[in-house]
């Protein structure tokens, strides 16, 4: 093992301390993701014959925000803390104690999309194709927030760019896996989706590519990310995150195959 590692850039998680109110970098990252999604969504809505209004974009993001919060919390408790939930069902509602799951958030957004599509008389697949390209910037910003907080670090490594995170009680040189996720789930996935949607595509294929892309990138990064301490590695030596990515990967492939088999243009009823 190496004897030196890159110095962790210790950034105060609190950006502004206003006494009773503290503005944290992590919270700012959520705001960045929301503002970016709003701007990109409105930009899409203003395109000729988009079939969307700016008010619908605002409503969709509100529905999505509620879905992320409820689904993220429910998923975290069910996937990662089920034994604690079984002992204390009220733990599900103690959001202030922390704990959110991305995969649960996806399920929450999918449910919110269904409610939105029904209320506004839109195709469920077209709603998915519209919203998924708006997400990677927020995902990438969230991983930067994780890095600034020095949390969700990677596994031990002897690579030259390993880091020792101050919060790590073992003080090991680790993968900066948060930055891997920022690059892949944020930057690369955003570029892929916006390139793909630049031309008319069959309905459901943009959303399918998001599921396939995120699931694949997250599955790969999990090999460098430290598994949850209370779960460790599960069957076949895979982490919980990897097992949860498999349905996303296969679901994404299924949506893409379904879309191209029907050859329904994005925005058409499906």
C-alpha atoms as a PDB file:
ATOM      1  CA  UNK A   1       0.000   0.000   0.000  1.00  0.00           C
ATOM      2  CA  UNK A   2       1.123   3.536  -0.665  1.00  0.00           C
ATOM      3  CA  UNK A   3       2.312   5.647   2.214  1.00  0.00           C
ATOM      4  CA  UNK A   4       0.991   8.926   0.834  1.00  0.00           C
ATOM      5  CA  UNK A   5      -2.305  10.016  -0.633  1.00  0.00           C
ATOM      6  CA  UNK A   6      -3.774  13.186  -2.034  1.00  0.00           C
ATOM      7  CA  UNK A   7      -4.755  15.713   0.590  1.00  0.00           C
ATOM      8  CA  UNK A   8      -8.504  15.988   0.988  1.00  0.00           C
ATOM      9  CA  UNK A   9      -9.544  19.581   0.223  1.00  0.00           C
ATOM     10  CA  UNK A  10     -11.190  20.298   3.544  1.00  0.00           C
ATOM     11  CA  UNK A  11     -14.065  22.621   2.675  1.00  0.00           C
ATOM     12  CA  UNK A  12     -16.381  23.724   5.441  1.00  0.00           C
ATOM     13  CA  UNK A  13     -19.721  21.998   4.729  1.00  0.00           C
ATOM     14  CA  UNK A  14     -21.413  25.207   5.901  1.00  0.00           C
ATOM     15  CA  UNK A  15     -21.187  27.789   3.120  1.00  0.00           C
ATOM     16  CA  UNK A  16     -22.800  30.614   5.107  1.00  0.00           C
ATOM     17  CA  UNK A  17     -23.442  30.761   8.841  1.00  0.00           C
ATOM     18  CA  UNK A  18     -26.156  33.338   9.492  1.00  0.00           C
ATOM     19  CA  UNK A  19     -26.721  32.363  13.100  1.00  0.00           C
ATOM     20  CA  UNK A  20     -30.129  30.705  13.194  1.00  0.00           C
ATOM     21  CA  UNK A  21     -29.824  29.801   9.526  1.00  0.00           C
ATOM     22  CA  UNK A  22     -26.935  27.839   8.042  1.00  0.00           C
ATOM     23  CA  UNK A  23     -26.534  27.452   4.300  1.00  0.00           C
ATOM     24  CA  UNK A  24     -24.758  24.184   3.535  1.00  0.00           C
ATOM     25  CA  UNK A  25     -22.986  23.222   0.354  1.00  0.00           C
ATOM     26  CA  UNK A  26     -25.042  20.042   0.130  1.00  0.00           C
ATOM     27  CA  UNK A  27     -28.291  21.977   0.240  1.00  0.00           C
ATOM     28  CA  UNK A  28     -26.930  24.365  -2.369  1.00  0.00           C
ATOM     29  CA  UNK A  29     -26.262  21.398  -4.643  1.00  0.00           C
ATOM     30  CA  UNK A  30     -29.938  20.441  -4.495  1.00  0.00           C
ATOM     31  CA  UNK A  31     -30.824  24.015  -5.428  1.00  0.00           C
ATOM     32  CA  UNK A  32     -28.373  23.910  -8.345  1.00  0.00           C
ATOM     33  CA  UNK A  33     -29.982  20.712  -9.606  1.00  0.00           C
ATOM     34  CA  UNK A  34     -33.504  22.134  -9.324  1.00  0.00           C
ATOM     35  CA  UNK A  35     -32.644  25.440 -11.015  1.00  0.00           C
ATOM     36  CA  UNK A  36     -30.809  23.628 -13.813  1.00  0.00           C
ATOM     37  CA  UNK A  37     -33.760  21.294 -14.360  1.00  0.00           C
ATOM     38  CA  UNK A  38     -36.164  24.251 -14.442  1.00  0.00           C
ATOM     39  CA  UNK A  39     -34.023  26.169 -16.933  1.00  0.00           C
ATOM     40  CA  UNK A  40     -33.493  23.176 -19.207  1.00  0.00           C
ATOM     41  CA  UNK A  41     -37.151  22.180 -18.994  1.00  0.00           C
ATOM     42  CA  UNK A  42     -38.358  25.663 -19.908  1.00  0.00           C
ATOM     43  CA  UNK A  43     -35.849  25.720 -22.753  1.00  0.00           C
ATOM     44  CA  UNK A  44     -37.358  22.523 -24.097  1.00  0.00           C
ATOM     45  CA  UNK A  45     -40.906  23.791 -23.619  1.00  0.00           C
ATOM     46  CA  UNK A  46     -40.172  26.902 -25.696  1.00  0.00           C
ATOM     47  CA  UNK A  47     -39.145  24.816 -28.697  1.00  0.00           C
ATOM     48  CA  UNK A  48     -41.680  24.859 -31.574  1.00  0.00           C
ATOM     49  CA  UNK A  49     -44.375  22.197 -31.220  1.00  0.00           C
ATOM     50  CA  UNK A  50     -42.891  20.924 -27.977  1.00  0.00           C
ATOM     51  CA  UNK A  51     -46.314  20.094 -26.581  1.00  0.00           C
ATOM     52  CA  UNK A  52     -45.266  21.581 -23.238  1.00  0.00           C
ATOM     53  CA  UNK A  53     -45.841  24.861 -21.436  1.00  0.00           C
ATOM     54  CA  UNK A  54     -43.596  26.435 -18.830  1.00  0.00           C
ATOM     55  CA  UNK A  55     -46.370  26.016 -16.266  1.00  0.00           C
ATOM     56  CA  UNK A  56     -46.467  22.283 -16.985  1.00  0.00           C
ATOM     57  CA  UNK A  57     -42.692  22.125 -16.511  1.00  0.00           C
ATOM     58  CA  UNK A  58     -43.048  23.826 -13.135  1.00  0.00           C
ATOM     59  CA  UNK A  59     -45.821  21.433 -12.101  1.00  0.00           C
ATOM     60  CA  UNK A  60     -43.863  18.388 -13.277  1.00  0.00           C
ATOM     61  CA  UNK A  61     -40.794  19.378 -11.274  1.00  0.00           C
ATOM     62  CA  UNK A  62     -42.947  19.934  -8.197  1.00  0.00           C
ATOM     63  CA  UNK A  63     -44.463  16.463  -8.570  1.00  0.00           C
ATOM     64  CA  UNK A  64     -40.985  15.066  -9.121  1.00  0.00           C
ATOM     65  CA  UNK A  65     -39.618  16.804  -6.025  1.00  0.00           C
ATOM     66  CA  UNK A  66     -42.349  15.266  -3.866  1.00  0.00           C
ATOM     67  CA  UNK A  67     -41.666  11.878  -5.451  1.00  0.00           C
ATOM     68  CA  UNK A  68     -37.933  12.128  -4.737  1.00  0.00           C
ATOM     69  CA  UNK A  69     -38.476  12.971  -1.061  1.00  0.00           C
ATOM     70  CA  UNK A  70     -41.124  10.345  -0.353  1.00  0.00           C
ATOM     71  CA  UNK A  71     -39.630   7.637  -2.545  1.00  0.00           C
ATOM     72  CA  UNK A  72     -36.072   8.350  -1.448  1.00  0.00           C
ATOM     73  CA  UNK A  73     -36.942   7.982   2.206  1.00  0.00           C
ATOM     74  CA  UNK A  74     -39.147   4.923   1.693  1.00  0.00           C
ATOM     75  CA  UNK A  75     -36.488   3.248  -0.441  1.00  0.00           C
ATOM     76  CA  UNK A  76     -33.717   3.916   2.071  1.00  0.00           C
ATOM     77  CA  UNK A  77     -35.715   2.396   4.907  1.00  0.00           C
ATOM     78  CA  UNK A  78     -36.907  -0.622   2.893  1.00  0.00           C
ATOM     79  CA  UNK A  79     -33.631  -1.354   1.094  1.00  0.00           C
ATOM     80  CA  UNK A  80     -31.033  -0.416   3.705  1.00  0.00           C
ATOM     81  CA  UNK A  81     -32.676  -0.251   7.144  1.00  0.00           C
ATOM     82  CA  UNK A  82     -35.532  -2.732   7.016  1.00  0.00           C
ATOM     83  CA  UNK A  83     -34.577  -4.418  10.287  1.00  0.00           C
ATOM     84  CA  UNK A  84     -34.741  -1.076  12.095  1.00  0.00           C
ATOM     85  CA  UNK A  85     -38.095  -0.360  10.455  1.00  0.00           C
ATOM     86  CA  UNK A  86     -39.395  -3.759  11.564  1.00  0.00           C
ATOM     87  CA  UNK A  87     -38.418  -2.948  15.165  1.00  0.00           C
ATOM     88  CA  UNK A  88     -39.656   0.653  14.993  1.00  0.00           C
ATOM     89  CA  UNK A  89     -42.089   1.449  12.121  1.00  0.00           C
ATOM     90  CA  UNK A  90     -42.100   5.148  13.050  1.00  0.00           C
ATOM     91  CA  UNK A  91     -38.450   5.273  11.926  1.00  0.00           C
ATOM     92  CA  UNK A  92     -39.822   5.662   8.390  1.00  0.00           C
ATOM     93  CA  UNK A  93     -41.096   9.140   9.256  1.00  0.00           C
ATOM     94  CA  UNK A  94     -38.019  10.419  11.115  1.00  0.00           C
ATOM     95  CA  UNK A  95     -36.526  12.044   8.030  1.00  0.00           C
ATOM     96  CA  UNK A  96     -34.488  14.454  10.153  1.00  0.00           C
ATOM     97  CA  UNK A  97     -32.308  11.514  11.231  1.00  0.00           C
ATOM     98  CA  UNK A  98     -31.052  11.261   7.648  1.00  0.00           C
ATOM     99  CA  UNK A  99     -31.175   8.530   5.049  1.00  0.00           C
ATOM    100  CA  UNK A 100     -32.271   8.756   1.406  1.00  0.00           C
ATOM    101  CA  UNK A 101     -31.963   6.225  -1.402  1.00  0.00           C
ATOM    102  CA  UNK A 102     -31.494   7.207  -5.038  1.00  0.00           C
ATOM    103  CA  UNK A 103     -33.184   4.028  -6.243  1.00  0.00           C
ATOM    104  CA  UNK A 104     -36.136   4.729  -3.971  1.00  0.00           C
ATOM    105  CA  UNK A 105     -36.210   8.266  -5.338  1.00  0.00           C
ATOM    106  CA  UNK A 106     -36.459   6.856  -8.874  1.00  0.00           C
ATOM    107  CA  UNK A 107     -39.489   4.807  -7.865  1.00  0.00           C
ATOM    108  CA  UNK A 108     -41.010   7.895  -6.260  1.00  0.00           C
ATOM    109  CA  UNK A 109     -40.477   9.969  -9.401  1.00  0.00           C
ATOM    110  CA  UNK A 110     -41.977   7.215 -11.545  1.00  0.00           C
ATOM    111  CA  UNK A 111     -45.094   7.240  -9.375  1.00  0.00           C
ATOM    112  CA  UNK A 112     -45.235  11.051  -9.487  1.00  0.00           C
ATOM    113  CA  UNK A 113     -44.912  10.942 -13.281  1.00  0.00           C
ATOM    114  CA  UNK A 114     -47.914   8.631 -13.480  1.00  0.00           C
ATOM    115  CA  UNK A 115     -50.036  11.041 -11.433  1.00  0.00           C
ATOM    116  CA  UNK A 116     -48.848  14.004 -13.519  1.00  0.00           C
ATOM    117  CA  UNK A 117     -49.444  12.235 -16.840  1.00  0.00           C
ATOM    118  CA  UNK A 118     -52.968  11.273 -15.830  1.00  0.00           C
ATOM    119  CA  UNK A 119     -53.854  14.764 -14.588  1.00  0.00           C
ATOM    120  CA  UNK A 120     -52.433  16.597 -17.606  1.00  0.00           C
ATOM    121  CA  UNK A 121     -53.502  13.987 -20.188  1.00  0.00           C
ATOM    122  CA  UNK A 122     -50.003  13.210 -21.422  1.00  0.00           C
ATOM    123  CA  UNK A 123     -48.362   9.971 -22.448  1.00  0.00           C
ATOM    124  CA  UNK A 124     -46.458   8.425 -19.556  1.00  0.00           C
ATOM    125  CA  UNK A 125     -43.533   7.611 -21.839  1.00  0.00           C
ATOM    126  CA  UNK A 126     -43.387  11.142 -23.240  1.00  0.00           C
ATOM    127  CA  UNK A 127     -43.280  12.533 -19.691  1.00  0.00           C
ATOM    128  CA  UNK A 128     -40.376  10.196 -18.915  1.00  0.00           C
ATOM    129  CA  UNK A 129     -38.560  11.254 -22.077  1.00  0.00           C
ATOM    130  CA  UNK A 130     -39.042  14.903 -21.149  1.00  0.00           C
ATOM    131  CA  UNK A 131     -37.891  14.776 -17.536  1.00  0.00           C
ATOM    132  CA  UNK A 132     -34.970  12.331 -17.573  1.00  0.00           C
ATOM    133  CA  UNK A 133     -32.501  14.586 -19.478  1.00  0.00           C
ATOM    134  CA  UNK A 134     -33.095  17.221 -16.778  1.00  0.00           C
ATOM    135  CA  UNK A 135     -31.791  14.988 -13.990  1.00  0.00           C
ATOM    136  CA  UNK A 136     -28.041  14.367 -14.484  1.00  0.00           C
ATOM    137  CA  UNK A 137     -26.933  17.877 -13.504  1.00  0.00           C
ATOM    138  CA  UNK A 138     -28.686  17.485 -10.157  1.00  0.00           C
ATOM    139  CA  UNK A 139     -27.233  13.998  -9.717  1.00  0.00           C
ATOM    140  CA  UNK A 140     -23.730  15.279 -10.404  1.00  0.00           C
ATOM    141  CA  UNK A 141     -24.185  18.258  -8.092  1.00  0.00           C
ATOM    142  CA  UNK A 142     -25.355  15.924  -5.341  1.00  0.00           C
ATOM    143  CA  UNK A 143     -22.189  13.837  -5.659  1.00  0.00           C
ATOM    144  CA  UNK A 144     -20.098  16.982  -5.348  1.00  0.00           C
ATOM    145  CA  UNK A 145     -22.020  17.674  -2.160  1.00  0.00           C
ATOM    146  CA  UNK A 146     -21.151  14.192  -0.900  1.00  0.00           C
ATOM    147  CA  UNK A 147     -17.489  14.850  -1.667  1.00  0.00           C
ATOM    148  CA  UNK A 148     -17.475  18.203   0.149  1.00  0.00           C
ATOM    149  CA  UNK A 149     -19.101  16.520   3.145  1.00  0.00           C
ATOM    150  CA  UNK A 150     -16.438  13.786   3.032  1.00  0.00           C
ATOM    151  CA  UNK A 151     -19.087  11.049   2.978  1.00  0.00           C
ATOM    152  CA  UNK A 152     -19.890   7.989   0.866  1.00  0.00           C
ATOM    153  CA  UNK A 153     -16.204   7.476   0.151  1.00  0.00           C
ATOM    154  CA  UNK A 154     -14.655   4.644  -1.823  1.00  0.00           C
ATOM    155  CA  UNK A 155     -12.845   1.425  -1.002  1.00  0.00           C
ATOM    156  CA  UNK A 156      -9.210   1.226  -0.011  1.00  0.00           C
ATOM    157  CA  UNK A 157      -6.781   1.601  -2.898  1.00  0.00           C
ATOM    158  CA  UNK A 158      -3.100   2.190  -3.620  1.00  0.00           C
ATOM    159  CA  UNK A 159      -3.728   4.355  -6.695  1.00  0.00           C
ATOM    160  CA  UNK A 160      -1.805   7.622  -6.868  1.00  0.00           C
ATOM    161  CA  UNK A 161      -4.988   9.719  -6.642  1.00  0.00           C
ATOM    162  CA  UNK A 162      -6.319   7.983  -3.518  1.00  0.00           C
ATOM    163  CA  UNK A 163      -7.550  10.225  -0.699  1.00  0.00           C
ATOM    164  CA  UNK A 164      -7.756   9.986   3.070  1.00  0.00           C
ATOM    165  CA  UNK A 165     -11.096  11.345   4.217  1.00  0.00           C
ATOM    166  CA  UNK A 166     -11.023  13.092   7.620  1.00  0.00           C
ATOM    167  CA  UNK A 167     -14.264  11.408   8.720  1.00  0.00           C
ATOM    168  CA  UNK A 168     -12.903   7.924   8.009  1.00  0.00           C
ATOM    169  CA  UNK A 169     -12.102   6.359  11.427  1.00  0.00           C
ATOM    170  CA  UNK A 170      -9.666   3.935   9.787  1.00  0.00           C
ATOM    171  CA  UNK A 171      -7.751   6.688   7.992  1.00  0.00           C
ATOM    172  CA  UNK A 172      -7.297   4.593   4.850  1.00  0.00           C
ATOM    173  CA  UNK A 173      -6.321   5.817   1.393  1.00  0.00           C
ATOM    174  CA  UNK A 174      -9.520   5.430  -0.589  1.00  0.00           C
ATOM    175  CA  UNK A 175     -11.047   5.932  -4.022  1.00  0.00           C
ATOM    176  CA  UNK A 176     -12.694   9.373  -4.325  1.00  0.00           C
ATOM    177  CA  UNK A 177     -15.705   7.514  -5.687  1.00  0.00           C
ATOM    178  CA  UNK A 178     -17.985  10.534  -5.273  1.00  0.00           C
ATOM    179  CA  UNK A 179     -15.992  12.222  -8.047  1.00  0.00           C
ATOM    180  CA  UNK A 180     -16.297   9.135 -10.253  1.00  0.00           C
ATOM    181  CA  UNK A 181     -20.060   9.362  -9.849  1.00  0.00           C
ATOM    182  CA  UNK A 182     -20.029  13.102 -10.498  1.00  0.00           C
ATOM    183  CA  UNK A 183     -18.198  12.514 -13.772  1.00  0.00           C
ATOM    184  CA  UNK A 184     -20.202   9.508 -14.988  1.00  0.00           C
ATOM    185  CA  UNK A 185     -23.698  10.001 -13.565  1.00  0.00           C
ATOM    186  CA  UNK A 186     -23.549  13.767 -13.966  1.00  0.00           C
ATOM    187  CA  UNK A 187     -21.377  14.997 -16.827  1.00  0.00           C
ATOM    188  CA  UNK A 188     -21.164  11.958 -19.123  1.00  0.00           C
ATOM    189  CA  UNK A 189     -24.797  10.904 -18.706  1.00  0.00           C
ATOM    190  CA  UNK A 190     -25.986  14.468 -19.331  1.00  0.00           C
ATOM    191  CA  UNK A 191     -23.988  14.677 -22.578  1.00  0.00           C
ATOM    192  CA  UNK A 192     -25.223  11.288 -23.783  1.00  0.00           C
ATOM    193  CA  UNK A 193     -28.883  12.081 -23.132  1.00  0.00           C
ATOM    194  CA  UNK A 194     -28.802  15.523 -24.718  1.00  0.00           C
ATOM    195  CA  UNK A 195     -27.019  14.168 -27.773  1.00  0.00           C
ATOM    196  CA  UNK A 196     -29.510  11.304 -28.045  1.00  0.00           C
ATOM    197  CA  UNK A 197     -32.603  13.500 -27.718  1.00  0.00           C
ATOM    198  CA  UNK A 198     -31.332  16.057 -30.225  1.00  0.00           C
ATOM    199  CA  UNK A 199     -33.149  14.061 -32.916  1.00  0.00           C
ATOM    200  CA  UNK A 200     -36.644  12.514 -32.838  1.00  0.00           C
ATOM    201  CA  UNK A 201     -36.555   9.179 -31.056  1.00  0.00           C
ATOM    202  CA  UNK A 202     -39.186   6.512 -30.406  1.00  0.00           C
ATOM    203  CA  UNK A 203     -41.239   7.219 -27.289  1.00  0.00           C
ATOM    204  CA  UNK A 204     -39.690   5.790 -24.137  1.00  0.00           C
ATOM    205  CA  UNK A 205     -36.174   5.433 -25.520  1.00  0.00           C
ATOM    206  CA  UNK A 206     -34.783   8.594 -23.895  1.00  0.00           C
ATOM    207  CA  UNK A 207     -36.076   7.460 -20.503  1.00  0.00           C
ATOM    208  CA  UNK A 208     -34.793   3.971 -21.256  1.00  0.00           C
ATOM    209  CA  UNK A 209     -31.343   5.309 -22.054  1.00  0.00           C
ATOM    210  CA  UNK A 210     -31.334   7.201 -18.740  1.00  0.00           C
ATOM    211  CA  UNK A 211     -32.139   4.027 -16.805  1.00  0.00           C
ATOM    212  CA  UNK A 212     -29.573   2.031 -18.744  1.00  0.00           C
ATOM    213  CA  UNK A 213     -26.892   4.725 -18.471  1.00  0.00           C
ATOM    214  CA  UNK A 214     -27.323   5.504 -14.792  1.00  0.00           C
ATOM    215  CA  UNK A 215     -27.694   1.853 -13.837  1.00  0.00           C
ATOM    216  CA  UNK A 216     -24.551   0.876 -15.760  1.00  0.00           C
ATOM    217  CA  UNK A 217     -22.417   3.752 -14.463  1.00  0.00           C
ATOM    218  CA  UNK A 218     -23.525   3.258 -10.866  1.00  0.00           C
ATOM    219  CA  UNK A 219     -22.972  -0.503 -11.131  1.00  0.00           C
ATOM    220  CA  UNK A 220     -19.375   0.100 -12.243  1.00  0.00           C
ATOM    221  CA  UNK A 221     -18.618   2.750  -9.619  1.00  0.00           C
ATOM    222  CA  UNK A 222     -19.907   0.454  -6.876  1.00  0.00           C
ATOM    223  CA  UNK A 223     -16.781  -1.662  -7.402  1.00  0.00           C
ATOM    224  CA  UNK A 224     -14.807   1.321  -6.083  1.00  0.00           C
ATOM    225  CA  UNK A 225     -17.349   2.560  -3.529  1.00  0.00           C
ATOM    226  CA  UNK A 226     -17.290   1.333   0.077  1.00  0.00           C
ATOM    227  CA  UNK A 227     -20.348  -0.859   0.748  1.00  0.00           C
ATOM    228  CA  UNK A 228     -22.693   0.102   3.565  1.00  0.00           C
ATOM    229  CA  UNK A 229     -21.040  -1.025   6.788  1.00  0.00           C
ATOM    230  CA  UNK A 230     -24.102  -2.802   8.181  1.00  0.00           C
ATOM    231  CA  UNK A 231     -24.769  -4.650   4.896  1.00  0.00           C
ATOM    232  CA  UNK A 232     -21.355  -5.297   3.387  1.00  0.00           C
ATOM    233  CA  UNK A 233     -21.274  -7.261   0.162  1.00  0.00           C
ATOM    234  CA  UNK A 234     -24.258  -9.461  -0.571  1.00  0.00           C
ATOM    235  CA  UNK A 235     -24.802 -12.451  -2.865  1.00  0.00           C
ATOM    236  CA  UNK A 236     -22.242 -12.918  -5.674  1.00  0.00           C
ATOM    237  CA  UNK A 237     -20.022 -10.369  -3.946  1.00  0.00           C
ATOM    238  CA  UNK A 238     -22.189  -7.462  -5.104  1.00  0.00           C
ATOM    239  CA  UNK A 239     -23.294  -4.473  -3.059  1.00  0.00           C
ATOM    240  CA  UNK A 240     -26.891  -3.484  -2.433  1.00  0.00           C
ATOM    241  CA  UNK A 241     -26.401  -0.607  -4.871  1.00  0.00           C
ATOM    242  CA  UNK A 242     -25.382  -3.033  -7.614  1.00  0.00           C
ATOM    243  CA  UNK A 243     -28.357  -5.291  -7.010  1.00  0.00           C
ATOM    244  CA  UNK A 244     -30.674  -2.282  -7.182  1.00  0.00           C
ATOM    245  CA  UNK A 245     -29.047  -1.162 -10.443  1.00  0.00           C
ATOM    246  CA  UNK A 246     -29.812  -4.424 -12.230  1.00  0.00           C
ATOM    247  CA  UNK A 247     -33.568  -3.703 -12.583  1.00  0.00           C
ATOM    248  CA  UNK A 248     -32.679  -0.246 -13.921  1.00  0.00           C
ATOM    249  CA  UNK A 249     -30.337  -1.718 -16.541  1.00  0.00           C
ATOM    250  CA  UNK A 250     -32.776  -4.362 -17.719  1.00  0.00           C
ATOM    251  CA  UNK A 251     -35.705  -1.945 -17.510  1.00  0.00           C
ATOM    252  CA  UNK A 252     -33.807   0.563 -19.627  1.00  0.00           C
ATOM    253  CA  UNK A 253     -32.944  -2.067 -22.232  1.00  0.00           C
ATOM    254  CA  UNK A 254     -36.579  -3.175 -22.270  1.00  0.00           C
ATOM    255  CA  UNK A 255     -37.858   0.379 -22.812  1.00  0.00           C
ATOM    256  CA  UNK A 256     -35.424   0.984 -25.654  1.00  0.00           C
ATOM    257  CA  UNK A 257     -36.366  -2.301 -27.331  1.00  0.00           C
ATOM    258  CA  UNK A 258     -40.070  -1.569 -26.824  1.00  0.00           C
ATOM    259  CA  UNK A 259     -39.732   1.918 -28.278  1.00  0.00           C
ATOM    260  CA  UNK A 260     -37.871   0.870 -31.389  1.00  0.00           C
ATOM    261  CA  UNK A 261     -40.203  -2.086 -31.940  1.00  0.00           C
ATOM    262  CA  UNK A 262     -43.152   0.323 -32.041  1.00  0.00           C
ATOM    263  CA  UNK A 263     -41.294   3.187 -33.768  1.00  0.00           C
ATOM    264  CA  UNK A 264     -43.434   5.798 -32.048  1.00  0.00           C
ATOM    265  CA  UNK A 265     -41.896   9.278 -32.230  1.00  0.00           C
ATOM    266  CA  UNK A 266     -41.110  11.106 -28.983  1.00  0.00           C
ATOM    267  CA  UNK A 267     -44.116  13.115 -27.906  1.00  0.00           C
ATOM    268  CA  UNK A 268     -46.656  10.849 -29.657  1.00  0.00           C
ATOM    269  CA  UNK A 269     -49.175   8.925 -27.630  1.00  0.00           C
ATOM    270  CA  UNK A 270     -47.851   5.604 -26.474  1.00  0.00           C
END
